[in-house]
Amino acid sequence: MIQLATVLYLGVFTFGVIGYLRGFDKELVALSGVVLALFVLVQFQGFL
């Protein structure tokens, strides 16, 4: 069976290639959205 770390590395590589093909600007916007979502989850964890 395939190891979980191998699946993780394949996923990171795949998303890296897709991000490279999309361009830096779009990836920066997507990354800032993810960071903002994590910030909101951490800050309002008690309310949710």
PDB file of N, CA and C in Angstrom:
ATOM      1  N   MET A   1       0.830  -1.183   0.000  1.00  0.00           N
ATOM      2  CA  MET A   1       0.000   0.000   0.000  1.00  0.00           C
ATOM      3  C   MET A   1       0.881   1.255   0.000  1.00  0.00           C
ATOM      4  N   ILE A   2       0.369   2.340  -0.560  1.00  0.00           N
ATOM      5  CA  ILE A   2       1.148   3.572  -0.658  1.00  0.00           C
ATOM      6  C   ILE A   2       1.140   4.310   0.687  1.00  0.00           C
ATOM      7  N   GLN A   3       2.250   4.910   1.024  1.00  0.00           N
ATOM      8  CA  GLN A   3       2.354   5.603   2.300  1.00  0.00           C
ATOM      9  C   GLN A   3       1.648   6.956   2.227  1.00  0.00           C
ATOM     10  N   LEU A   4       1.182   7.413   3.380  1.00  0.00           N
ATOM     11  CA  LEU A   4       0.462   8.677   3.447  1.00  0.00           C
ATOM     12  C   LEU A   4       1.359   9.855   3.094  1.00  0.00           C
ATOM     13  N   ALA A   5       2.610   9.798   3.461  1.00  0.00           N
ATOM     14  CA  ALA A   5       3.548  10.881   3.133  1.00  0.00           C
ATOM     15  C   ALA A   5       3.727  11.011   1.617  1.00  0.00           C
ATOM     16  N   THR A   6       3.716   9.899   0.912  1.00  0.00           N
ATOM     17  CA  THR A   6       3.832   9.938  -0.541  1.00  0.00           C
ATOM     18  C   THR A   6       2.618  10.617  -1.166  1.00  0.00           C
ATOM     19  N   VAL A   7       1.449  10.326  -0.648  1.00  0.00           N
ATOM     20  CA  VAL A   7       0.231  10.971  -1.142  1.00  0.00           C
ATOM     21  C   VAL A   7       0.290  12.471  -0.875  1.00  0.00           C
ATOM     22  N   LEU A   8       0.790  12.861   0.286  1.00  0.00           N
ATOM     23  CA  LEU A   8       0.930  14.273   0.619  1.00  0.00           C
ATOM     24  C   LEU A   8       1.877  14.970  -0.352  1.00  0.00           C
ATOM     25  N   TYR A   9       3.018  14.361  -0.613  1.00  0.00           N
ATOM     26  CA  TYR A   9       3.986  14.959  -1.542  1.00  0.00           C
ATOM     27  C   TYR A   9       3.433  15.052  -2.955  1.00  0.00           C
ATOM     28  N   LEU A  10       2.701  14.043  -3.383  1.00  0.00           N
ATOM     29  CA  LEU A  10       2.083  14.095  -4.705  1.00  0.00           C
ATOM     30  C   LEU A  10       1.045  15.214  -4.785  1.00  0.00           C
ATOM     31  N   GLY A  11       0.280  15.400  -3.719  1.00  0.00           N
ATOM     32  CA  GLY A  11      -0.699  16.481  -3.689  1.00  0.00           C
ATOM     33  C   GLY A  11      -0.041  17.845  -3.715  1.00  0.00           C
ATOM     34  N   VAL A  12       1.027  18.015  -2.951  1.00  0.00           N
ATOM     35  CA  VAL A  12       1.749  19.288  -2.936  1.00  0.00           C
ATOM     36  C   VAL A  12       2.350  19.568  -4.305  1.00  0.00           C
ATOM     37  N   PHE A  13       2.925  18.564  -4.924  1.00  0.00           N
ATOM     38  CA  PHE A  13       3.506  18.727  -6.256  1.00  0.00           C
ATOM     39  C   PHE A  13       2.431  19.093  -7.281  1.00  0.00           C
ATOM     40  N   THR A  14       1.300  18.407  -7.223  1.00  0.00           N
ATOM     41  CA  THR A  14       0.213  18.678  -8.162  1.00  0.00           C
ATOM     42  C   THR A  14      -0.314  20.093  -8.009  1.00  0.00           C
ATOM     43  N   PHE A  15      -0.571  20.515  -6.772  1.00  0.00           N
ATOM     44  CA  PHE A  15      -1.056  21.868  -6.546  1.00  0.00           C
ATOM     45  C   PHE A  15       0.005  22.907  -6.907  1.00  0.00           C
ATOM     46  N   GLY A  16       1.266  22.574  -6.734  1.00  0.00           N
ATOM     47  CA  GLY A  16       2.333  23.483  -7.143  1.00  0.00           C
ATOM     48  C   GLY A  16       2.364  23.689  -8.648  1.00  0.00           C
ATOM     49  N   VAL A  17       2.206  22.617  -9.403  1.00  0.00           N
ATOM     50  CA  VAL A  17       2.184  22.726 -10.863  1.00  0.00           C
ATOM     51  C   VAL A  17       0.969  23.517 -11.326  1.00  0.00           C
ATOM     52  N   ILE A  18      -0.187  23.236 -10.730  1.00  0.00           N
ATOM     53  CA  ILE A  18      -1.403  23.972 -11.096  1.00  0.00           C
ATOM     54  C   ILE A  18      -1.247  25.455 -10.760  1.00  0.00           C
ATOM     55  N   GLY A  19      -0.666  25.752  -9.605  1.00  0.00           N
ATOM     56  CA  GLY A  19      -0.437  27.142  -9.229  1.00  0.00           C
ATOM     57  C   GLY A  19       0.533  27.841 -10.159  1.00  0.00           C
ATOM     58  N   TYR A  20       1.548  27.128 -10.598  1.00  0.00           N
ATOM     59  CA  TYR A  20       2.505  27.705 -11.543  1.00  0.00           C
ATOM     60  C   TYR A  20       1.832  28.017 -12.871  1.00  0.00           C
ATOM     61  N   LEU A  21       0.951  27.148 -13.305  1.00  0.00           N
ATOM     62  CA  LEU A  21       0.271  27.355 -14.575  1.00  0.00           C
ATOM     63  C   LEU A  21      -0.754  28.494 -14.494  1.00  0.00           C
ATOM     64  N   ARG A  22      -1.375  28.668 -13.334  1.00  0.00           N
ATOM     65  CA  ARG A  22      -2.382  29.723 -13.187  1.00  0.00           C
ATOM     66  C   ARG A  22      -1.752  31.102 -13.104  1.00  0.00           C
ATOM     67  N   GLY A  23      -0.604  31.189 -12.483  1.00  0.00           N
ATOM     68  CA  GLY A  23       0.062  32.475 -12.357  1.00  0.00           C
ATOM     69  C   GLY A  23       0.155  32.915 -10.908  1.00  0.00           C
ATOM     70  N   PHE A  24       1.126  33.777 -10.652  1.00  0.00           N
ATOM     71  CA  PHE A  24       1.415  34.198  -9.289  1.00  0.00           C
ATOM     72  C   PHE A  24       0.304  35.061  -8.704  1.00  0.00           C
ATOM     73  N   ASP A  25      -0.287  35.937  -9.509  1.00  0.00           N
ATOM     74  CA  ASP A  25      -1.310  36.849  -8.999  1.00  0.00           C
ATOM     75  C   ASP A  25      -2.540  36.099  -8.502  1.00  0.00           C
ATOM     76  N   LYS A  26      -3.005  35.148  -9.271  1.00  0.00           N
ATOM     77  CA  LYS A  26      -4.182  34.380  -8.869  1.00  0.00           C
ATOM     78  C   LYS A  26      -3.895  33.529  -7.641  1.00  0.00           C
ATOM     79  N   GLU A  27      -2.706  32.988  -7.573  1.00  0.00           N
ATOM     80  CA  GLU A  27      -2.348  32.169  -6.423  1.00  0.00           C
ATOM     81  C   GLU A  27      -2.197  33.018  -5.167  1.00  0.00           C
ATOM     82  N   LEU A  28      -1.705  34.223  -5.314  1.00  0.00           N
ATOM     83  CA  LEU A  28      -1.590  35.116  -4.167  1.00  0.00           C
ATOM     84  C   LEU A  28      -2.965  35.472  -3.617  1.00  0.00           C
ATOM     85  N   VAL A  29      -3.925  35.714  -4.479  1.00  0.00           N
ATOM     86  CA  VAL A  29      -5.298  36.006  -4.045  1.00  0.00           C
ATOM     87  C   VAL A  29      -5.902  34.785  -3.348  1.00  0.00           C
ATOM     88  N   ALA A  30      -5.693  33.607  -3.904  1.00  0.00           N
ATOM     89  CA  ALA A  30      -6.226  32.387  -3.300  1.00  0.00           C
ATOM     90  C   ALA A  30      -5.578  32.126  -1.945  1.00  0.00           C
ATOM     91  N   LEU A  31      -4.276  32.332  -1.842  1.00  0.00           N
ATOM     92  CA  LEU A  31      -3.577  32.120  -0.580  1.00  0.00           C
ATOM     93  C   LEU A  31      -4.042  33.104   0.485  1.00  0.00           C
ATOM     94  N   SER A  32      -4.238  34.365   0.098  1.00  0.00           N
ATOM     95  CA  SER A  32      -4.710  35.346   1.083  1.00  0.00           C
ATOM     96  C   SER A  32      -6.130  35.015   1.534  1.00  0.00           C
ATOM     97  N   GLY A  33      -6.948  34.440   0.662  1.00  0.00           N
ATOM     98  CA  GLY A  33      -8.292  34.006   1.063  1.00  0.00           C
ATOM     99  C   GLY A  33      -8.245  32.875   2.073  1.00  0.00           C
ATOM    100  N   VAL A  34      -7.339  31.940   1.866  1.00  0.00           N
ATOM    101  CA  VAL A  34      -7.192  30.830   2.810  1.00  0.00           C
ATOM    102  C   VAL A  34      -6.692  31.334   4.156  1.00  0.00           C
ATOM    103  N   VAL A  35      -5.715  32.235   4.141  1.00  0.00           N
ATOM    104  CA  VAL A  35      -5.182  32.796   5.392  1.00  0.00           C
ATOM    105  C   VAL A  35      -6.266  33.577   6.123  1.00  0.00           C
ATOM    106  N   LEU A  36      -7.066  34.355   5.400  1.00  0.00           N
ATOM    107  CA  LEU A  36      -8.161  35.096   6.014  1.00  0.00           C
ATOM    108  C   LEU A  36      -9.194  34.156   6.622  1.00  0.00           C
ATOM    109  N   ALA A  37      -9.513  33.081   5.936  1.00  0.00           N
ATOM    110  CA  ALA A  37     -10.473  32.113   6.459  1.00  0.00           C
ATOM    111  C   ALA A  37      -9.953  31.457   7.734  1.00  0.00           C
ATOM    112  N   LEU A  38      -8.676  31.097   7.756  1.00  0.00           N
ATOM    113  CA  LEU A  38      -8.094  30.521   8.966  1.00  0.00           C
ATOM    114  C   LEU A  38      -8.093  31.518  10.110  1.00  0.00           C
ATOM    115  N   PHE A  39      -7.814  32.784   9.810  1.00  0.00           N
ATOM    116  CA  PHE A  39      -7.839  33.820  10.831  1.00  0.00           C
ATOM    117  C   PHE A  39      -9.240  33.973  11.419  1.00  0.00           C
ATOM    118  N   VAL A  40     -10.246  33.979  10.569  1.00  0.00           N
ATOM    119  CA  VAL A  40     -11.624  34.117  11.042  1.00  0.00           C
ATOM    120  C   VAL A  40     -12.010  32.916  11.901  1.00  0.00           C
ATOM    121  N   LEU A  41     -11.623  31.722  11.488  1.00  0.00           N
ATOM    122  CA  LEU A  41     -11.935  30.533  12.281  1.00  0.00           C
ATOM    123  C   LEU A  41     -11.283  30.573  13.654  1.00  0.00           C
ATOM    124  N   VAL A  42     -10.048  31.042  13.709  1.00  0.00           N
ATOM    125  CA  VAL A  42      -9.345  31.092  14.993  1.00  0.00           C
ATOM    126  C   VAL A  42      -9.927  32.182  15.886  1.00  0.00           C
ATOM    127  N   GLN A  43     -10.225  33.337  15.327  1.00  0.00           N
ATOM    128  CA  GLN A  43     -10.710  34.462  16.113  1.00  0.00           C
ATOM    129  C   GLN A  43     -12.133  34.246  16.620  1.00  0.00           C
ATOM    130  N   PHE A  44     -12.988  33.644  15.802  1.00  0.00           N
ATOM    131  CA  PHE A  44     -14.387  33.485  16.169  1.00  0.00           C
ATOM    132  C   PHE A  44     -14.753  32.044  16.475  1.00  0.00           C
ATOM    133  N   GLN A  45     -13.810  31.308  17.001  1.00  0.00           N
ATOM    134  CA  GLN A  45     -14.040  29.905  17.314  1.00  0.00           C
ATOM    135  C   GLN A  45     -15.110  29.748  18.382  1.00  0.00           C
ATOM    136  N   GLY A  46     -15.165  30.640  19.334  1.00  0.00           N
ATOM    137  CA  GLY A  46     -16.163  30.559  20.389  1.00  0.00           C
ATOM    138  C   GLY A  46     -17.563  30.845  19.891  1.00  0.00           C
ATOM    139  N   PHE A  47     -17.701  31.713  18.911  1.00  0.00           N
ATOM    140  CA  PHE A  47     -19.017  32.058  18.388  1.00  0.00           C
ATOM    141  C   PHE A  47     -19.558  30.987  17.451  1.00  0.00           C
ATOM    142  N   LEU A  48     -18.658  30.284  16.784  1.00  0.00           N
ATOM    143  CA  LEU A  48     -19.092  29.256  15.856  1.00  0.00           C
ATOM    144  C   LEU A  48     -19.283  27.958  16.601  1.00  0.00           C
TER     145      LEU A  48
END
